[in-house]
């Protein structure tokens, strides 16, 4: 059970909670009030005897400032996965206790918690007496420059200044799982920087959180060789902590404020993208696309600020479909949606039965800026952002009284309506034995004019300083 009603909030205020510091196998019937300091994503495993098991883990901390690891199994994992958020406070009842498994548990508590079908979790108002991270957070921080000479791959903790960050990227994996990632570049007082990939909730944090060169600690970063340099990726048990209280953070922040900003940086990560993290004009995009096959590059990614010029609605005089129905059933033994195209009777050939379905958008968009224009294919989420409308609404317009004419009129109204930030991926594909250049828009959002204006002013200030 999970609840957020005013009644449950009031009840939580009146209750006396068992301290995490006293948890042991000798105490029963306890209720905790704790904050989730970090958590993993829901995972599925196939057991040796057949069948599957789902679980995720979370670290909990309460007002006693003790931290304990909790594992949510089976039905509890499915039921609570989308409800439990990092940084929020909850009450936990009807859990069991076992000795900590040191192979997977790095908290200092002797025990760990298990939550299953009968467990009760309720969201409660934020409690300022509960810290947001454990004071004795176990970090074994390595200097970034030392990674050049260590054995790779290697799991490390890193503390440094966020030098720059890319926008969050949302995509669907091959198995149908919705994923989020974000690349950030971190520099420390060794004068070296490393690009680190954040995943899931860590990647979804607002862009503003990463701006202004905050000091961060990144726990459980897997460092390996990549494209002639080094790259880092946060493991499932890892997390990113902003403004940590560890001594290394204070030292690095002092270095950055006094000398680090002006110091040359030794970048250990080599960009596979010639444009790096830089925003490009469409003219640069066009040139890179035209020279792509002879460049030896596997993939290019651009961030472009542009406006919608038009949406292609016909091909050879015939209307071009803008949407279709996709299967929304979970794949057998997994957590992922099928997403295969269904027919007019909602029959899915992959599932071999009639299924639940949802409308998915697909479009070929013509975008432009003052330097050039390009045609680009895009699918569903980016289309919704570009048009500012949900997929079902697009279907409703065409199925309404105005028919296709009403839909095309609506699309025409959206042209040049607002500035957009789009991310484009360019790569090579083989068609009938011949290599061709393919490009697609995999993320898009309207431009926040105020935020973009401040970014441009900062760019102008940096240009004048140079």
Foldseek 3Di string as FASTA:
>chain_A
DEEDDPVVQVVVVPDDFDAPQPDDQVDAFGKHKWAFLAKFAWDWDADPVGAIKIKIKTWTFFLVLAIAIEMEIDPRCVVCRVPHDHGFIKMKGDKHKDADDVVPDDGPDRIHIYHYDPMYIYGYHDDPSTDSHRLPPDFDEDAPVCVVPDDPQDWHKHKFWFPDKAQKFWDADPLQDIWIKIWTWGHFPVQEIAIEIEIDPQRPPDPVVRPPGWIKMKHTWGWHDDDNFIHTYHDRVIHIGTPDPDPRSVVRVVCCVPPVVPGHHHYRDDDLAPCRRDADAVVVVVVCQVCVVVPPRAKHKHKYKWFFAAWDQDDPRHGDDFKFKFAQDRDPSDDHGPRAGADPQCADPVVRGRGDIDIKGKTWTWIHDPPGIDIAIEIRPQVCQLLVHHRVVLVCQLPDPVHPVSSRVSRVVSTPPAMKIWMKMWGWDADPNDIDIHMHTRHMHGDPVVVVVVVVVVVVVVVVVD
